[in-house]
Amino acid sequence: MIPRTYAQWRHCISVECGIPLSADFIAQRLAVWRNPGLEETQRFRRLYGDAHWQAVQHWLVQAGQEQEGAAAGEPPLAASAQQTG
């Protein structure tokens, strides 16, 4: 299943794939997805389309913001209430 929402994507990455959404992982993936000249990025865009490519970038940023909020001691509901999309 291709995730259509942030919650689906987060579950897919962290639960089904077992990949922790660490700051390093987020930074590495954003570095790839933000470089349209990379073969990996081009392949992803061909397979899943530009809308999904852009959504994944947004979701990575959102996951990073949630981490920052957690590190600052924000309650999870407060951090998620600040997120849109």
N, C-alpha and C. Protein backbone atom coordinates (compact mmCIF):
# COMPACT_ATOMS: atom_id res chain seq x y z
N MET A 1 0.83 -1.18 0.00
CA MET A 1 0.00 0.00 0.00
C MET A 1 0.88 1.25 0.00
N ILE A 2 0.54 2.19 -0.82
CA ILE A 2 1.25 3.47 -0.85
C ILE A 2 0.55 4.40 0.14
N PRO A 3 1.29 4.91 1.11
CA PRO A 3 0.67 5.79 2.11
C PRO A 3 0.08 7.04 1.47
N ARG A 4 -1.09 7.43 1.95
CA ARG A 4 -1.75 8.63 1.45
C ARG A 4 -1.77 9.75 2.49
N THR A 5 -1.47 9.40 3.75
CA THR A 5 -1.48 10.38 4.82
C THR A 5 -0.18 10.26 5.62
N TYR A 6 0.08 11.28 6.41
CA TYR A 6 1.27 11.26 7.27
C TYR A 6 1.22 10.07 8.23
N ALA A 7 0.07 9.84 8.83
CA ALA A 7 -0.05 8.73 9.79
C ALA A 7 0.24 7.40 9.12
N GLN A 8 -0.28 7.19 7.91
CA GLN A 8 -0.01 5.95 7.19
C GLN A 8 1.48 5.82 6.85
N TRP A 9 2.07 6.92 6.39
CA TRP A 9 3.49 6.92 6.04
C TRP A 9 4.35 6.62 7.26
N ARG A 10 4.06 7.29 8.36
CA ARG A 10 4.84 7.11 9.59
C ARG A 10 4.75 5.65 10.06
N HIS A 11 3.55 5.09 10.02
CA HIS A 11 3.36 3.69 10.42
C HIS A 11 4.16 2.77 9.49
N CYS A 12 4.09 3.02 8.21
CA CYS A 12 4.81 2.21 7.22
C CYS A 12 6.31 2.23 7.48
N ILE A 13 6.86 3.41 7.69
CA ILE A 13 8.31 3.55 7.89
C ILE A 13 8.73 2.96 9.23
N SER A 14 8.08 3.40 10.31
CA SER A 14 8.57 3.04 11.64
C SER A 14 8.11 1.68 12.14
N VAL A 15 6.92 1.24 11.75
CA VAL A 15 6.40 -0.04 12.25
C VAL A 15 6.64 -1.15 11.23
N GLU A 16 6.10 -0.99 10.04
CA GLU A 16 6.20 -2.07 9.05
C GLU A 16 7.64 -2.28 8.56
N CYS A 17 8.36 -1.19 8.34
CA CYS A 17 9.75 -1.31 7.87
C CYS A 17 10.75 -1.36 9.02
N GLY A 18 10.33 -0.96 10.22
CA GLY A 18 11.21 -0.99 11.38
C GLY A 18 12.33 0.02 11.33
N ILE A 19 12.11 1.14 10.63
CA ILE A 19 13.14 2.17 10.51
C ILE A 19 12.83 3.28 11.50
N PRO A 20 13.73 3.53 12.44
CA PRO A 20 13.48 4.65 13.37
C PRO A 20 13.56 5.98 12.62
N LEU A 21 12.62 6.85 12.89
CA LEU A 21 12.63 8.17 12.26
C LEU A 21 13.55 9.09 13.07
N SER A 22 14.84 8.78 13.01
CA SER A 22 15.85 9.55 13.73
C SER A 22 16.17 10.83 12.96
N ALA A 23 16.80 11.76 13.64
CA ALA A 23 17.22 13.00 12.99
C ALA A 23 18.17 12.71 11.83
N ASP A 24 19.07 11.74 12.01
CA ASP A 24 20.00 11.38 10.94
C ASP A 24 19.28 10.81 9.73
N PHE A 25 18.34 9.90 9.97
CA PHE A 25 17.57 9.31 8.87
C PHE A 25 16.82 10.40 8.11
N ILE A 26 16.15 11.27 8.85
CA ILE A 26 15.37 12.34 8.23
C ILE A 26 16.28 13.24 7.39
N ALA A 27 17.42 13.63 7.93
CA ALA A 27 18.35 14.50 7.20
C ALA A 27 18.88 13.81 5.95
N GLN A 28 19.21 12.54 6.06
CA GLN A 28 19.73 11.80 4.90
C GLN A 28 18.69 11.69 3.80
N ARG A 29 17.46 11.36 4.17
CA ARG A 29 16.41 11.21 3.16
C ARG A 29 16.06 12.55 2.52
N LEU A 30 16.00 13.61 3.32
CA LEU A 30 15.72 14.92 2.74
C LEU A 30 16.82 15.36 1.79
N ALA A 31 18.06 15.05 2.12
CA ALA A 31 19.17 15.41 1.23
C ALA A 31 19.02 14.74 -0.13
N VAL A 32 18.53 13.50 -0.14
CA VAL A 32 18.32 12.79 -1.40
C VAL A 32 17.10 13.35 -2.12
N TRP A 33 15.97 13.44 -1.42
CA TRP A 33 14.73 13.86 -2.09
C TRP A 33 14.78 15.30 -2.57
N ARG A 34 15.60 16.13 -1.94
CA ARG A 34 15.70 17.53 -2.36
C ARG A 34 16.68 17.74 -3.51
N ASN A 35 17.30 16.67 -3.96
CA ASN A 35 18.24 16.77 -5.09
C ASN A 35 17.63 16.05 -6.29
N PRO A 36 16.94 16.80 -7.16
CA PRO A 36 16.26 16.17 -8.29
C PRO A 36 17.21 15.57 -9.32
N GLY A 37 18.50 15.87 -9.24
CA GLY A 37 19.46 15.31 -10.18
C GLY A 37 19.93 13.91 -9.84
N LEU A 38 19.66 13.45 -8.62
CA LEU A 38 20.09 12.11 -8.21
C LEU A 38 19.23 11.04 -8.87
N GLU A 39 19.87 9.96 -9.28
CA GLU A 39 19.14 8.85 -9.92
C GLU A 39 18.08 8.29 -8.98
N GLU A 40 18.39 8.16 -7.69
CA GLU A 40 17.42 7.62 -6.74
C GLU A 40 16.16 8.49 -6.68
N THR A 41 16.35 9.80 -6.69
CA THR A 41 15.21 10.73 -6.66
C THR A 41 14.42 10.64 -7.96
N GLN A 42 15.11 10.59 -9.07
CA GLN A 42 14.44 10.49 -10.37
C GLN A 42 13.64 9.20 -10.47
N ARG A 43 14.20 8.11 -9.98
CA ARG A 43 13.51 6.82 -10.01
C ARG A 43 12.25 6.87 -9.14
N PHE A 44 12.38 7.45 -7.95
CA PHE A 44 11.23 7.58 -7.04
C PHE A 44 10.12 8.39 -7.71
N ARG A 45 10.49 9.49 -8.34
CA ARG A 45 9.49 10.34 -9.00
C ARG A 45 8.82 9.63 -10.16
N ARG A 46 9.59 8.83 -10.90
CA ARG A 46 8.99 8.07 -12.01
C ARG A 46 8.01 7.03 -11.48
N LEU A 47 8.39 6.35 -10.41
CA LEU A 47 7.56 5.27 -9.86
C LEU A 47 6.31 5.79 -9.14
N TYR A 48 6.45 6.85 -8.35
CA TYR A 48 5.37 7.28 -7.47
C TYR A 48 4.77 8.64 -7.82
N GLY A 49 5.40 9.37 -8.72
CA GLY A 49 4.87 10.67 -9.14
C GLY A 49 5.35 11.82 -8.27
N ASP A 50 5.25 13.00 -8.84
CA ASP A 50 5.74 14.19 -8.15
C ASP A 50 4.92 14.54 -6.91
N ALA A 51 3.62 14.31 -6.95
CA ALA A 51 2.80 14.63 -5.79
C ALA A 51 3.23 13.81 -4.56
N HIS A 52 3.50 12.53 -4.76
CA HIS A 52 3.93 11.69 -3.64
C HIS A 52 5.34 12.06 -3.21
N TRP A 53 6.21 12.35 -4.16
CA TRP A 53 7.58 12.79 -3.85
C TRP A 53 7.54 14.03 -2.95
N GLN A 54 6.69 14.99 -3.29
CA GLN A 54 6.58 16.20 -2.49
C GLN A 54 5.95 15.91 -1.13
N ALA A 55 4.96 15.02 -1.11
CA ALA A 55 4.33 14.65 0.16
C ALA A 55 5.33 14.01 1.11
N VAL A 56 6.16 13.12 0.59
CA VAL A 56 7.15 12.45 1.44
C VAL A 56 8.13 13.47 2.02
N GLN A 57 8.53 14.43 1.23
CA GLN A 57 9.41 15.48 1.76
C GLN A 57 8.72 16.23 2.90
N HIS A 58 7.47 16.56 2.70
CA HIS A 58 6.70 17.27 3.73
C HIS A 58 6.59 16.41 4.99
N TRP A 59 6.32 15.13 4.82
CA TRP A 59 6.19 14.23 5.96
C TRP A 59 7.50 14.08 6.71
N LEU A 60 8.61 14.06 5.99
CA LEU A 60 9.92 14.00 6.66
C LEU A 60 10.15 15.26 7.49
N VAL A 61 9.81 16.40 6.94
CA VAL A 61 9.94 17.66 7.68
C VAL A 61 9.05 17.62 8.92
N GLN A 62 7.82 17.15 8.75
CA GLN A 62 6.88 17.05 9.87
C GLN A 62 7.43 16.13 10.96
N ALA A 63 7.99 15.00 10.57
CA ALA A 63 8.57 14.07 11.56
C ALA A 63 9.72 14.75 12.30
N GLY A 64 10.52 15.51 11.58
CA GLY A 64 11.62 16.24 12.22
C GLY A 64 11.11 17.28 13.20
N GLN A 65 10.06 17.97 12.84
CA GLN A 65 9.47 18.98 13.73
C GLN A 65 8.89 18.33 14.98
N GLU A 66 8.30 17.16 14.82
CA GLU A 66 7.77 16.44 15.99
C GLU A 66 8.90 16.04 16.92
N GLN A 67 10.02 15.62 16.35
CA GLN A 67 11.18 15.26 17.17
C GLN A 67 11.69 16.46 17.94
N GLU A 68 11.77 17.61 17.26
CA GLU A 68 12.24 18.82 17.91
C GLU A 68 11.32 19.21 19.05
N GLY A 69 10.01 19.08 18.82
CA GLY A 69 9.05 19.39 19.87
C GLY A 69 9.19 18.45 21.06
N ALA A 70 9.42 17.17 20.77
CA ALA A 70 9.60 16.19 21.85
C ALA A 70 10.88 16.49 22.63
N ALA A 71 11.93 16.88 21.92
CA ALA A 71 13.19 17.19 22.58
C ALA A 71 13.05 18.44 23.46
N ALA A 72 12.16 19.33 23.07
CA ALA A 72 11.93 20.55 23.85
C ALA A 72 10.96 20.32 25.00
N GLY A 73 10.44 19.10 25.11
CA GLY A 73 9.54 18.76 26.20
C GLY A 73 8.10 19.10 25.95
N GLU A 74 7.74 19.38 24.70
CA GLU A 74 6.33 19.65 24.39
C GLU A 74 5.52 18.37 24.52
N PRO A 75 4.32 18.47 25.04
CA PRO A 75 3.45 17.29 25.02
C PRO A 75 3.13 16.91 23.58
N PRO A 76 2.98 15.62 23.28
CA PRO A 76 2.72 15.18 21.92
C PRO A 76 1.52 15.86 21.27
N LEU A 77 0.46 16.10 22.01
CA LEU A 77 -0.72 16.74 21.43
C LEU A 77 -0.41 18.17 21.00
N ALA A 78 0.38 18.87 21.77
CA ALA A 78 0.72 20.24 21.41
C ALA A 78 1.56 20.26 20.15
N ALA A 79 2.48 19.32 20.05
CA ALA A 79 3.33 19.25 18.85
C ALA A 79 2.51 18.90 17.64
N SER A 80 1.60 17.95 17.75
CA SER A 80 0.82 17.55 16.59
C SER A 80 -0.22 18.61 16.23
N ALA A 81 -0.68 19.38 17.19
CA ALA A 81 -1.65 20.43 16.89
C ALA A 81 -1.03 21.53 16.05
N GLN A 82 0.31 21.69 16.13
CA GLN A 82 0.98 22.71 15.36
C GLN A 82 1.17 22.28 13.91
N GLN A 83 1.04 21.00 13.64
CA GLN A 83 1.29 20.49 12.29
C GLN A 83 0.04 20.63 11.45
N THR A 84 0.25 20.95 10.17
CA THR A 84 -0.85 20.99 9.24
C THR A 84 -0.54 20.08 8.09
N GLY A 85 -1.59 19.65 7.40
CA GLY A 85 -1.41 18.82 6.20
C GLY A 85 -1.33 17.42 6.58
